[in-house]
C-alpha atoms as a PDB file:
ATOM      1  CA  MET A   1      -9.848  -8.892 -21.998  1.00  0.00           C
ATOM      2  CA  ASN A   2      -9.256 -11.319 -24.922  1.00  0.00           C
ATOM      3  CA  THR A   3      -6.696 -10.981 -27.673  1.00  0.00           C
ATOM      4  CA  ASP A   4      -8.766  -9.058 -29.939  1.00  0.00           C
ATOM      5  CA  GLN A   5      -9.926  -6.764 -27.303  1.00  0.00           C
ATOM      6  CA  LEU A   6      -6.516  -5.817 -26.395  1.00  0.00           C
ATOM      7  CA  LEU A   7      -5.200  -5.331 -29.864  1.00  0.00           C
ATOM      8  CA  ASN A   8      -8.272  -3.074 -30.547  1.00  0.00           C
ATOM      9  CA  GLU A   9      -7.424  -1.015 -27.277  1.00  0.00           C
ATOM     10  CA  LEU A  10      -3.907  -0.705 -28.448  1.00  0.00           C
ATOM     11  CA  GLU A  11      -4.639   0.363 -31.866  1.00  0.00           C
ATOM     12  CA  THR A  12      -7.117   2.985 -30.523  1.00  0.00           C
ATOM     13  CA  ASN A  13      -4.608   4.528 -28.596  1.00  0.00           C
ATOM     14  CA  GLN A  14      -2.190   4.300 -31.441  1.00  0.00           C
ATOM     15  CA  LEU A  15       0.256   2.173 -29.490  1.00  0.00           C
ATOM     16  CA  LEU A  16       0.167  -0.594 -32.373  1.00  0.00           C
ATOM     17  CA  SER A  17       0.304  -0.115 -36.079  1.00  0.00           C
ATOM     18  CA  LEU A  18      -1.872  -2.017 -38.549  1.00  0.00           C
ATOM     19  CA  ASP A  19       1.297  -3.870 -39.972  1.00  0.00           C
ATOM     20  CA  GLN A  20       2.140  -4.965 -36.365  1.00  0.00           C
ATOM     21  CA  ARG A  21      -1.403  -6.190 -35.384  1.00  0.00           C
ATOM     22  CA  SER A  22      -1.542  -8.045 -38.521  1.00  0.00           C
ATOM     23  CA  ARG A  23       1.603  -9.959 -37.565  1.00  0.00           C
ATOM     24  CA  ILE A  24       0.472 -10.658 -33.891  1.00  0.00           C
ATOM     25  CA  GLU A  25      -2.677 -12.032 -35.362  1.00  0.00           C
ATOM     26  CA  GLU A  26      -0.916 -14.177 -37.686  1.00  0.00           C
ATOM     27  CA  TYR A  27       1.612 -15.559 -35.175  1.00  0.00           C
ATOM     28  CA  ASN A  28      -1.629 -16.161 -32.640  1.00  0.00           C
ATOM     29  CA  ARG A  29      -3.020 -18.364 -35.538  1.00  0.00           C
ATOM     30  CA  HIS A  30      -0.182 -20.268 -36.322  1.00  0.00           C
ATOM     31  CA  LYS A  31       1.856 -20.584 -32.961  1.00  0.00           C
ATOM     32  CA  PRO A  32       2.671 -24.279 -31.755  1.00  0.00           C
ATOM     33  CA  VAL A  33       0.917 -25.483 -28.814  1.00  0.00           C
ATOM     34  CA  SER A  34       2.662 -27.545 -26.302  1.00  0.00           C
ATOM     35  CA  LEU A  35       0.723 -30.824 -25.611  1.00  0.00           C
ATOM     36  CA  TYR A  36       3.038 -31.722 -22.794  1.00  0.00           C
ATOM     37  CA  GLY A  37       0.803 -30.280 -19.985  1.00  0.00           C
ATOM     38  CA  TYR A  38      -2.440 -31.508 -21.421  1.00  0.00           C
ATOM     39  CA  ILE A  39      -0.740 -34.904 -21.605  1.00  0.00           C
ATOM     40  CA  ARG A  40       0.180 -35.134 -18.023  1.00  0.00           C
ATOM     41  CA  VAL A  41      -3.363 -34.046 -16.609  1.00  0.00           C
ATOM     42  CA  ALA A  42      -4.673 -36.699 -18.982  1.00  0.00           C
ATOM     43  CA  LEU A  43      -2.340 -39.165 -17.232  1.00  0.00           C
ATOM     44  CA  TYR A  44      -2.930 -37.846 -13.683  1.00  0.00           C
ATOM     45  CA  LEU A  45      -6.639 -38.043 -14.247  1.00  0.00           C
ATOM     46  CA  SER A  46      -6.186 -41.518 -15.731  1.00  0.00           C
ATOM     47  CA  ILE A  47      -4.275 -42.608 -12.493  1.00  0.00           C
ATOM     48  CA  THR A  48      -7.299 -41.439 -10.459  1.00  0.00           C
ATOM     49  CA  SER A  49      -9.712 -42.981 -12.497  1.00  0.00           C
ATOM     50  CA  ILE A  50      -7.799 -46.355 -12.097  1.00  0.00           C
ATOM     51  CA  ILE A  51      -7.376 -46.016  -8.234  1.00  0.00           C
ATOM     52  CA  GLY A  52     -11.222 -45.089  -7.993  1.00  0.00           C
ATOM     53  CA  GLY A  53     -12.248 -48.028 -10.292  1.00  0.00           C
ATOM     54  CA  LEU A  54     -10.254 -50.369  -8.457  1.00  0.00           C
ATOM     55  CA  GLY A  55     -11.848 -49.411  -5.315  1.00  0.00           C
ATOM     56  CA  VAL A  56     -15.283 -49.704  -6.872  1.00  0.00           C
ATOM     57  CA  LEU A  57     -14.292 -53.249  -8.206  1.00  0.00           C
ATOM     58  CA  ILE A  58     -13.100 -54.301  -4.785  1.00  0.00           C
ATOM     59  CA  TYR A  59     -16.242 -52.788  -2.925  1.00  0.00           C
ATOM     60  CA  GLU A  60     -18.903 -54.526  -5.503  1.00  0.00           C
ATOM     61  CA  ASN A  61     -16.971 -58.121  -5.401  1.00  0.00           C
ATOM     62  CA  ILE A  62     -16.084 -58.227  -2.024  1.00  0.00           C
ATOM     63  CA  ASN A  63     -18.171 -61.138  -1.291  1.00  0.00           C
ATOM     64  CA  THR A  64     -17.956 -62.742  -4.675  1.00  0.00           C
ATOM     65  CA  ALA A  65     -14.319 -62.523  -5.945  1.00  0.00           C
ATOM     66  CA  GLY A  66     -11.582 -64.549  -4.107  1.00  0.00           C
ATOM     67  CA  HIS A  67      -9.808 -62.053  -1.859  1.00  0.00           C
ATOM     68  CA  ILE A  68      -6.451 -63.597  -2.547  1.00  0.00           C
ATOM     69  CA  VAL A  69      -7.079 -63.286  -6.393  1.00  0.00           C
ATOM     70  CA  LEU A  70      -7.731 -59.571  -5.928  1.00  0.00           C
ATOM     71  CA  LEU A  71      -4.751 -58.903  -3.776  1.00  0.00           C
ATOM     72  CA  LEU A  72      -2.467 -60.876  -5.828  1.00  0.00           C
ATOM     73  CA  VAL A  73      -3.535 -58.920  -8.936  1.00  0.00           C
ATOM     74  CA  LEU A  74      -3.224 -55.726  -7.225  1.00  0.00           C
ATOM     75  CA  SER A  75       0.151 -56.609  -5.880  1.00  0.00           C
ATOM     76  CA  LEU A  76       1.433 -57.683  -9.290  1.00  0.00           C
ATOM     77  CA  LEU A  77       0.258 -54.337 -10.834  1.00  0.00           C
ATOM     78  CA  THR A  78       2.184 -52.597  -7.992  1.00  0.00           C
ATOM     79  CA  LEU A  79       5.140 -54.680  -8.418  1.00  0.00           C
ATOM     80  CA  GLY A  80       5.272 -54.103 -12.096  1.00  0.00           C
ATOM     81  CA  SER A  81       4.893 -50.482 -11.757  1.00  0.00           C
ATOM     82  CA  PHE A  82       8.041 -50.228  -9.305  1.00  0.00           C
ATOM     83  CA  LEU A  83      10.101 -52.670 -11.598  1.00  0.00           C
ATOM     84  CA  PHE A  84       9.291 -50.305 -14.711  1.00  0.00           C
ATOM     85  CA  VAL A  85      10.720 -47.284 -12.982  1.00  0.00           C
ATOM     86  CA  PHE A  86      13.804 -48.899 -11.461  1.00  0.00           C
ATOM     87  CA  ARG A  87      14.325 -50.226 -15.065  1.00  0.00           C
ATOM     88  CA  GLN A  88      13.652 -46.978 -16.886  1.00  0.00           C
ATOM     89  CA  GLY A  89      15.094 -44.300 -14.225  1.00  0.00           C
ATOM     90  CA  LEU A  90      18.141 -42.544 -14.231  1.00  0.00           C
ATOM     91  CA  PRO A  91      20.766 -43.180 -11.526  1.00  0.00           C
ATOM     92  CA  TYR A  92      20.192 -41.026  -8.346  1.00  0.00           C
ATOM     93  CA  SER A  93      21.696 -37.704  -7.914  1.00  0.00           C
ATOM     94  CA  SER A  94      21.434 -34.903  -5.455  1.00  0.00           C
ATOM     95  CA  ALA A  95      20.260 -32.280  -8.199  1.00  0.00           C
ATOM     96  CA  ARG A  96      17.496 -32.321 -10.375  1.00  0.00           C
ATOM     97  CA  VAL A  97      16.827 -35.104 -12.397  1.00  0.00           C
ATOM     98  CA  ASP A  98      14.946 -35.044 -15.749  1.00  0.00           C
ATOM     99  CA  HIS A  99      14.080 -38.794 -16.623  1.00  0.00           C
ATOM    100  CA  GLN A 100      14.292 -39.574 -20.343  1.00  0.00           C
ATOM    101  CA  ASN A 101      11.071 -41.728 -20.196  1.00  0.00           C
ATOM    102  CA  PRO A 102       8.274 -39.226 -20.030  1.00  0.00           C
ATOM    103  CA  TYR A 103       5.879 -41.951 -18.010  1.00  0.00           C
ATOM    104  CA  LEU A 104       8.083 -42.534 -15.680  1.00  0.00           C
ATOM    105  CA  ASP A 105       6.728 -39.951 -13.086  1.00  0.00           C
ATOM    106  CA  THR A 106       3.238 -41.041 -13.937  1.00  0.00           C
ATOM    107  CA  VAL A 107       3.846 -44.744 -13.527  1.00  0.00           C
ATOM    108  CA  LEU A 108       5.716 -44.081 -10.188  1.00  0.00           C
ATOM    109  CA  LEU A 109       2.690 -42.235  -8.798  1.00  0.00           C
ATOM    110  CA  LEU A 110       0.561 -44.844  -9.739  1.00  0.00           C
ATOM    111  CA  GLY A 111       2.641 -47.761  -8.237  1.00  0.00           C
ATOM    112  CA  CYS A 112       2.489 -45.633  -4.845  1.00  0.00           C
ATOM    113  CA  LEU A 113      -1.392 -45.318  -4.822  1.00  0.00           C
ATOM    114  CA  LEU A 114      -1.554 -48.962  -5.825  1.00  0.00           C
ATOM    115  CA  PHE A 115       0.639 -50.002  -2.836  1.00  0.00           C
ATOM    116  CA  LEU A 116      -1.763 -47.850  -0.296  1.00  0.00           C
ATOM    117  CA  VAL A 117      -4.573 -49.633  -1.903  1.00  0.00           C
ATOM    118  CA  VAL A 118      -2.745 -53.105  -1.382  1.00  0.00           C
ATOM    119  CA  GLU A 119      -1.870 -52.187   2.170  1.00  0.00           C
ATOM    120  CA  GLY A 120      -5.199 -50.877   2.999  1.00  0.00           C
ATOM    121  CA  TYR A 121      -6.977 -53.788   1.541  1.00  0.00           C
ATOM    122  CA  ALA A 122      -4.846 -56.377   3.365  1.00  0.00           C
ATOM    123  CA  GLN A 123      -5.400 -54.572   6.486  1.00  0.00           C
ATOM    124  CA  TYR A 124      -9.089 -54.392   6.127  1.00  0.00           C
ATOM    125  CA  GLN A 125      -9.734 -58.064   4.952  1.00  0.00           C
ATOM    126  CA  PHE A 126      -6.775 -60.058   6.872  1.00  0.00           C
ATOM    127  CA  GLN A 127      -5.531 -57.608   9.522  1.00  0.00           C
ATOM    128  CA  VAL A 128      -1.921 -58.307   8.684  1.00  0.00           C
ATOM    129  CA  PHE A 129      -0.796 -55.561  10.922  1.00  0.00           C
ATOM    130  CA  GLY A 130      -3.367 -56.243  13.641  1.00  0.00           C
ATOM    131  CA  THR A 131      -3.854 -53.071  15.881  1.00  0.00           C
ATOM    132  CA  ARG A 132      -0.475 -51.872  15.200  1.00  0.00           C
ATOM    133  CA  TYR A 133      -1.802 -49.184  13.056  1.00  0.00           C
ATOM    134  CA  GLY A 134       1.521 -47.025  13.520  1.00  0.00           C
ATOM    135  CA  VAL A 135       3.311 -49.817  11.498  1.00  0.00           C
ATOM    136  CA  ALA A 136       0.540 -49.570   8.772  1.00  0.00           C
ATOM    137  CA  THR A 137       1.388 -45.757   8.206  1.00  0.00           C
ATOM    138  CA  LEU A 138       5.249 -45.821   8.846  1.00  0.00           C
ATOM    139  CA  LEU A 139       5.983 -48.505   5.969  1.00  0.00           C
ATOM    140  CA  PRO A 140       4.422 -46.259   3.311  1.00  0.00           C
ATOM    141  CA  ALA A 141       6.094 -43.176   4.726  1.00  0.00           C
ATOM    142  CA  LEU A 142       9.578 -44.759   4.430  1.00  0.00           C
ATOM    143  CA  LEU A 143       8.850 -46.431   1.209  1.00  0.00           C
ATOM    144  CA  PHE A 144       7.632 -43.234  -0.450  1.00  0.00           C
ATOM    145  CA  LEU A 145      10.218 -40.978   1.015  1.00  0.00           C
ATOM    146  CA  PHE A 146      12.719 -43.479  -0.542  1.00  0.00           C
ATOM    147  CA  LEU A 147      11.453 -43.438  -4.000  1.00  0.00           C
ATOM    148  CA  ALA A 148      10.673 -39.826  -3.995  1.00  0.00           C
ATOM    149  CA  TYR A 149      14.526 -38.983  -3.394  1.00  0.00           C
ATOM    150  CA  ARG A 150      15.481 -41.871  -5.700  1.00  0.00           C
ATOM    151  CA  PHE A 151      13.510 -40.819  -8.672  1.00  0.00           C
ATOM    152  CA  ASP A 152      12.993 -37.062  -7.852  1.00  0.00           C
ATOM    153  CA  HIS A 153       9.476 -36.869  -7.419  1.00  0.00           C
ATOM    154  CA  GLN A 154       7.758 -34.211  -5.402  1.00  0.00           C
ATOM    155  CA  GLY A 155       4.040 -35.802  -5.725  1.00  0.00           C
ATOM    156  CA  VAL A 156       5.563 -38.899  -4.109  1.00  0.00           C
ATOM    157  CA  LEU A 157       7.305 -36.919  -1.545  1.00  0.00           C
ATOM    158  CA  SER A 158       4.122 -35.360  -0.645  1.00  0.00           C
ATOM    159  CA  LEU A 159       2.690 -38.784   0.219  1.00  0.00           C
ATOM    160  CA  GLY A 160       5.427 -39.803   2.276  1.00  0.00           C
ATOM    161  CA  LEU A 161       5.603 -36.537   4.298  1.00  0.00           C
ATOM    162  CA  SER A 162       1.521 -36.964   4.679  1.00  0.00           C
ATOM    163  CA  SER A 163       2.228 -40.767   5.692  1.00  0.00           C
ATOM    164  CA  LEU A 164       5.040 -39.529   8.213  1.00  0.00           C
ATOM    165  CA  ALA A 165       2.868 -37.132   9.920  1.00  0.00           C
ATOM    166  CA  SER A 166      -0.124 -39.665  10.383  1.00  0.00           C
ATOM    167  CA  TRP A 167       2.384 -41.989  11.685  1.00  0.00           C
ATOM    168  CA  ILE A 168       3.700 -39.534  14.285  1.00  0.00           C
ATOM    169  CA  GLY A 169       0.187 -38.415  15.176  1.00  0.00           C
ATOM    170  CA  LEU A 170      -0.848 -42.173  15.878  1.00  0.00           C
ATOM    171  CA  THR A 171       2.089 -42.598  17.945  1.00  0.00           C
ATOM    172  CA  VAL A 172       1.500 -39.848  20.268  1.00  0.00           C
ATOM    173  CA  THR A 173      -2.068 -39.343  20.237  1.00  0.00           C
ATOM    174  CA  PRO A 174      -4.039 -41.363  22.927  1.00  0.00           C
ATOM    175  CA  ASN A 175      -6.685 -43.793  21.481  1.00  0.00           C
ATOM    176  CA  GLU A 176      -9.563 -41.988  23.416  1.00  0.00           C
ATOM    177  CA  LEU A 177      -8.572 -38.822  21.610  1.00  0.00           C
ATOM    178  CA  LEU A 178      -9.129 -40.560  18.219  1.00  0.00           C
ATOM    179  CA  VAL A 179     -12.388 -41.976  19.315  1.00  0.00           C
ATOM    180  CA  LYS A 180     -13.814 -38.555  20.332  1.00  0.00           C
ATOM    181  CA  ASN A 181     -12.334 -36.875  17.396  1.00  0.00           C
ATOM    182  CA  ASP A 182     -11.010 -33.995  19.585  1.00  0.00           C
ATOM    183  CA  PHE A 183      -7.945 -32.778  17.836  1.00  0.00           C
ATOM    184  CA  THR A 184      -7.810 -29.477  20.125  1.00  0.00           C
ATOM    185  CA  ASP A 185      -5.764 -31.594  22.563  1.00  0.00           C
ATOM    186  CA  ILE A 186      -2.610 -29.750  23.600  1.00  0.00           C
ATOM    187  CA  SER A 187      -0.363 -33.088  22.749  1.00  0.00           C
ATOM    188  CA  VAL A 188      -1.874 -32.931  19.069  1.00  0.00           C
ATOM    189  CA  LEU A 189      -0.950 -29.284  18.692  1.00  0.00           C
ATOM    190  CA  ILE A 190       2.580 -29.735  20.156  1.00  0.00           C
ATOM    191  CA  THR A 191       3.320 -32.792  17.987  1.00  0.00           C
ATOM    192  CA  ALA A 192       2.268 -30.826  14.951  1.00  0.00           C
ATOM    193  CA  LEU A 193       4.554 -27.877  15.828  1.00  0.00           C
ATOM    194  CA  VAL A 194       7.401 -30.198  16.351  1.00  0.00           C
ATOM    195  CA  PHE A 195       6.936 -32.062  13.380  1.00  0.00           C
ATOM    196  CA  GLY A 196       6.252 -29.139  11.096  1.00  0.00           C
ATOM    197  CA  GLY A 197       9.143 -27.194  12.562  1.00  0.00           C
ATOM    198  CA  THR A 198      11.607 -29.928  12.402  1.00  0.00           C
ATOM    199  CA  VAL A 199      10.663 -30.874   8.959  1.00  0.00           C
ATOM    200  CA  THR A 200      11.025 -27.407   7.597  1.00  0.00           C
ATOM    201  CA  LEU A 201      14.394 -27.023   9.279  1.00  0.00           C
ATOM    202  CA  LEU A 202      15.612 -30.446   7.983  1.00  0.00           C
ATOM    203  CA  SER A 203      14.519 -29.328   4.365  1.00  0.00           C
ATOM    204  CA  LYS A 204      16.418 -25.912   4.820  1.00  0.00           C
ATOM    205  CA  ILE A 205      19.756 -27.969   5.873  1.00  0.00           C
ATOM    206  CA  LEU A 206      19.286 -30.357   2.948  1.00  0.00           C
ATOM    207  CA  ALA A 207      18.814 -27.220   0.748  1.00  0.00           C
ATOM    208  CA  ILE A 208      22.124 -25.837   2.048  1.00  0.00           C
ATOM    209  CA  ARG A 209      23.851 -28.830   1.073  1.00  0.00           C
ATOM    210  CA  ASN A 210      22.287 -28.995  -2.212  1.00  0.00           C
ATOM    211  CA  ILE A 211      20.653 -32.331  -1.526  1.00  0.00           C
ATOM    212  CA  LYS A 212      17.371 -32.146  -3.711  1.00  0.00           C
ATOM    213  CA  SER A 213      17.226 -28.312  -3.027  1.00  0.00           C
ATOM    214  CA  HIS A 214      14.192 -27.990  -4.921  1.00  0.00           C
ATOM    215  CA  PHE A 215      12.358 -30.289  -2.589  1.00  0.00           C
ATOM    216  CA  ASN A 216      12.315 -27.258  -0.290  1.00  0.00           C
ATOM    217  CA  TYR A 217       8.848 -25.956  -1.905  1.00  0.00           C
ATOM    218  CA  THR A 218       7.184 -29.119  -1.116  1.00  0.00           C
ATOM    219  CA  TYR A 219       8.690 -29.297   2.404  1.00  0.00           C
ATOM    220  CA  LEU A 220       7.460 -25.889   3.284  1.00  0.00           C
ATOM    221  CA  LEU A 221       4.062 -26.114   1.599  1.00  0.00           C
ATOM    222  CA  ILE A 222       3.238 -29.197   3.990  1.00  0.00           C
ATOM    223  CA  ALA A 223       5.290 -28.982   7.009  1.00  0.00           C
ATOM    224  CA  GLY A 224       5.258 -25.005   7.401  1.00  0.00           C
ATOM    225  CA  THR A 225       1.577 -24.857   6.859  1.00  0.00           C
ATOM    226  CA  LEU A 226       1.032 -27.473   9.428  1.00  0.00           C
ATOM    227  CA  PHE A 227       3.284 -25.407  11.940  1.00  0.00           C
ATOM    228  CA  LEU A 228       1.157 -22.349  11.187  1.00  0.00           C
ATOM    229  CA  ALA A 229      -2.301 -24.127  11.270  1.00  0.00           C
ATOM    230  CA  ALA A 230      -1.093 -25.550  14.764  1.00  0.00           C
ATOM    231  CA  SER A 231      -0.017 -22.577  16.070  1.00  0.00           C
ATOM    232  CA  THR A 232      -2.982 -20.559  15.058  1.00  0.00           C
ATOM    233  CA  ALA A 233      -5.427 -23.149  16.367  1.00  0.00           C
ATOM    234  CA  GLY A 234      -3.299 -23.284  19.639  1.00  0.00           C
ATOM    235  CA  MET A 235      -3.493 -19.452  19.999  1.00  0.00           C
ATOM    236  CA  ILE A 236      -7.316 -19.503  19.702  1.00  0.00           C
ATOM    237  CA  THR A 237      -7.778 -22.682  21.654  1.00  0.00           C
ATOM    238  CA  PHE A 238      -5.430 -22.152  24.623  1.00  0.00           C
ATOM    239  CA  ASP A 239      -6.080 -18.494  26.078  1.00  0.00           C
ATOM    240  CA  SER A 240      -3.379 -18.658  28.639  1.00  0.00           C
ATOM    241  CA  TRP A 241      -0.788 -19.700  25.885  1.00  0.00           C
ATOM    242  CA  LYS A 242      -2.066 -17.530  23.256  1.00  0.00           C
ATOM    243  CA  PHE A 243       1.006 -15.174  23.031  1.00  0.00           C
ATOM    244  CA  VAL A 244       3.239 -17.933  22.769  1.00  0.00           C
ATOM    245  CA  PHE A 245       1.676 -19.439  20.179  1.00  0.00           C
ATOM    246  CA  SER A 246       1.136 -15.947  18.520  1.00  0.00           C
ATOM    247  CA  ILE A 247       4.725 -15.737  18.488  1.00  0.00           C
ATOM    248  CA  LEU A 248       5.410 -19.000  16.825  1.00  0.00           C
ATOM    249  CA  SER A 249       2.505 -17.970  14.290  1.00  0.00           C
ATOM    250  CA  GLY A 250       4.769 -14.980  13.570  1.00  0.00           C
ATOM    251  CA  VAL A 251       8.063 -16.618  13.225  1.00  0.00           C
ATOM    252  CA  GLY A 252       6.068 -18.971  10.626  1.00  0.00           C
ATOM    253  CA  CYS A 253       4.852 -16.097   8.769  1.00  0.00           C
ATOM    254  CA  TRP A 254       8.094 -14.232   8.700  1.00  0.00           C
ATOM    255  CA  TYR A 255       9.678 -17.503   7.186  1.00  0.00           C
ATOM    256  CA  PHE A 256       7.020 -17.726   4.592  1.00  0.00           C
ATOM    257  CA  TYR A 257       7.594 -14.240   3.492  1.00  0.00           C
ATOM    258  CA  VAL A 258      11.305 -14.749   3.405  1.00  0.00           C
ATOM    259  CA  ASN A 259      11.091 -17.849   1.167  1.00  0.00           C
ATOM    260  CA  ALA A 260       8.431 -16.093  -0.792  1.00  0.00           C
ATOM    261  CA  ARG A 261      10.995 -13.416  -1.758  1.00  0.00           C
ATOM    262  CA  LEU A 262      13.711 -15.884  -2.466  1.00  0.00           C
ATOM    263  CA  GLY A 263      11.507 -18.224  -4.631  1.00  0.00           C
ATOM    264  CA  GLU A 264       9.227 -15.171  -5.922  1.00  0.00           C
ATOM    265  CA  SER A 265       6.273 -17.407  -4.902  1.00  0.00           C
ATOM    266  CA  LEU A 266       3.009 -15.841  -4.664  1.00  0.00           C
ATOM    267  CA  LEU A 267       1.606 -18.785  -3.009  1.00  0.00           C
ATOM    268  CA  PHE A 268       3.816 -18.606   0.078  1.00  0.00           C
ATOM    269  CA  LEU A 269       3.239 -14.917   0.174  1.00  0.00           C
ATOM    270  CA  LEU A 270      -0.524 -15.615   0.523  1.00  0.00           C
ATOM    271  CA  ILE A 271      -0.088 -18.419   3.160  1.00  0.00           C
ATOM    272  CA  GLY A 272       2.309 -16.014   5.405  1.00  0.00           C
ATOM    273  CA  LEU A 273      -0.278 -13.170   4.887  1.00  0.00           C
ATOM    274  CA  VAL A 274      -3.406 -15.068   5.621  1.00  0.00           C
ATOM    275  CA  PHE A 275      -2.080 -16.697   8.752  1.00  0.00           C
ATOM    276  CA  GLY A 276      -0.504 -13.136   9.950  1.00  0.00           C
ATOM    277  CA  TYR A 277      -3.652 -11.479   9.240  1.00  0.00           C
ATOM    278  CA  ILE A 278      -5.503 -14.329  11.443  1.00  0.00           C
ATOM    279  CA  THR A 279      -3.133 -13.936  14.225  1.00  0.00           C
ATOM    280  CA  VAL A 280      -3.097 -10.224  14.439  1.00  0.00           C
ATOM    281  CA  THR A 281      -6.807  -9.982  14.204  1.00  0.00           C
ATOM    282  CA  TYR A 282      -7.431 -12.197  16.794  1.00  0.00           C
ATOM    283  CA  LEU A 283      -4.889 -10.917  19.172  1.00  0.00           C
ATOM    284  CA  LEU A 284      -6.329  -7.490  18.580  1.00  0.00           C
ATOM    285  CA  PHE A 285     -10.040  -8.473  19.237  1.00  0.00           C
ATOM    286  CA  SER A 286      -9.238 -10.420  22.162  1.00  0.00           C
ATOM    287  CA  GLN A 287      -7.906  -7.327  24.051  1.00  0.00           C
ATOM    288  CA  LEU A 288     -11.123  -5.154  23.183  1.00  0.00           C
ATOM    289  CA  SER A 289     -14.205  -4.939  25.032  1.00  0.00           C
ATOM    290  CA  LEU A 290     -17.303  -6.208  23.271  1.00  0.00           C
ATOM    291  CA  GLU A 291     -18.864  -2.538  22.809  1.00  0.00           C
ATOM    292  CA  PHE A 292     -15.580  -1.139  21.439  1.00  0.00           C
ATOM    293  CA  GLY A 293     -14.946  -4.094  19.353  1.00  0.00           C
ATOM    294  CA  ALA A 294     -18.256  -3.643  17.565  1.00  0.00           C
ATOM    295  CA  PHE A 295     -17.492  -0.167  16.809  1.00  0.00           C
ATOM    296  CA  PHE A 296     -13.999  -0.855  15.731  1.00  0.00           C
ATOM    297  CA  GLY A 297     -14.803  -3.761  13.726  1.00  0.00           C
ATOM    298  CA  SER A 298     -16.405  -2.090  10.805  1.00  0.00           C
ATOM    299  CA  LEU A 299     -13.310   0.343  10.428  1.00  0.00           C
ATOM    300  CA  TYR A 300     -10.880  -2.440  10.751  1.00  0.00           C
ATOM    301  CA  PHE A 301     -12.406  -4.733   8.204  1.00  0.00           C
ATOM    302  CA  LEU A 302     -12.895  -1.787   5.801  1.00  0.00           C
ATOM    303  CA  LEU A 303      -8.996  -0.992   6.284  1.00  0.00           C
ATOM    304  CA  SER A 304      -8.546  -4.650   5.647  1.00  0.00           C
ATOM    305  CA  ALA A 305     -10.207  -4.384   2.329  1.00  0.00           C
ATOM    306  CA  ALA A 306      -8.162  -1.589   1.379  1.00  0.00           C
ATOM    307  CA  GLY A 307      -5.317  -3.515   2.252  1.00  0.00           C
ATOM    308  CA  VAL A 308      -6.363  -6.202  -0.047  1.00  0.00           C
ATOM    309  CA  VAL A 309      -6.448  -3.840  -2.911  1.00  0.00           C
ATOM    310  CA  TRP A 310      -3.260  -2.471  -1.981  1.00  0.00           C
ATOM    311  CA  PHE A 311      -1.661  -5.962  -1.951  1.00  0.00           C
ATOM    312  CA  LEU A 312      -3.046  -6.583  -5.589  1.00  0.00           C
ATOM    313  CA  LEU A 313      -1.410  -3.685  -6.817  1.00  0.00           C
ATOM    314  CA  ASN A 314       1.962  -3.979  -4.918  1.00  0.00           C
ATOM    315  CA  PHE A 315       2.497  -7.854  -4.518  1.00  0.00           C
ATOM    316  CA  LYS A 316       5.318  -7.778  -7.017  1.00  0.00           C
ATOM    317  CA  LYS A 317       7.341  -5.267  -5.106  1.00  0.00           C
ATOM    318  CA  LEU A 318       6.602  -7.782  -1.928  1.00  0.00           C
ATOM    319  CA  LEU A 319       8.091 -10.347  -3.747  1.00  0.00           C
ATOM    320  CA  GLY A 320      11.173  -8.313  -4.929  1.00  0.00           C
ATOM    321  CA  LYS A 321      10.231  -8.510  -8.441  1.00  0.00           C
ATOM    322  CA  THR A 322      11.472  -5.389 -10.705  1.00  0.00           C
ATOM    323  CA  VAL A 323       8.615  -5.942 -13.197  1.00  0.00           C
END
């Protein structure tokens, strides 16, 4: 329903006078438009285009251009990006920092992505890390986590957490498992559970100590979702341990619900409910016989559809909102 339709309905129901409608229409025609969000989207799209263009450039000229020259140019761009943010950025603070330079966040993200390009190119062409792939993932993880806290950037924090998870996965995962691409191995799931649980707990401790407490959103979104995904996969894959994994999934869903109410986050609420629904559904149908399960399934999913409708009507109450 657009603005005109809404105004027509309000006027038809005599909830809006003609004078009030005229003033609302006048306001809508002359209200100021914020360009901040549009500019940020354009900048992030530009970064993506630049990184993609550099990848194409390297790919098409890999046999003609000098590798040292390309690597040197990329390294200078990376170094220039980091020098810019260190010169323009405000000092570190445990609270939220709003930098005065509007381009600092974008340049920092560009520098981090360029660093990954440089590292990947150097490893592919010159094997600078040899077969020590763990070092290649640990180095950007430590760098990005430092930069994320130094310049208060949650996007860079996401890159750091992803790199850290990759490093831990490479450290504990046998090479044979990587070759077979079978990530349902119990060691992988346990690693994901430990990593997700530990990082989520650490983020809570930092939030209590008021050390970048707003980072808790990113920590929970990445590490908490990984914890729920691993517990759900373990419940489905390892039948003998399904109740243990289901309890872990339930704890994770409850934690997401608590944080959803604290932050009034619909996303956290949806994540907790979706994984909780998967857990309950699997446990329920895994205990039923095939014949009764087929009969009960239609009723169960009909009730699930009704539950979705109820959720859409009452999700604000679940989040603790009064309006």
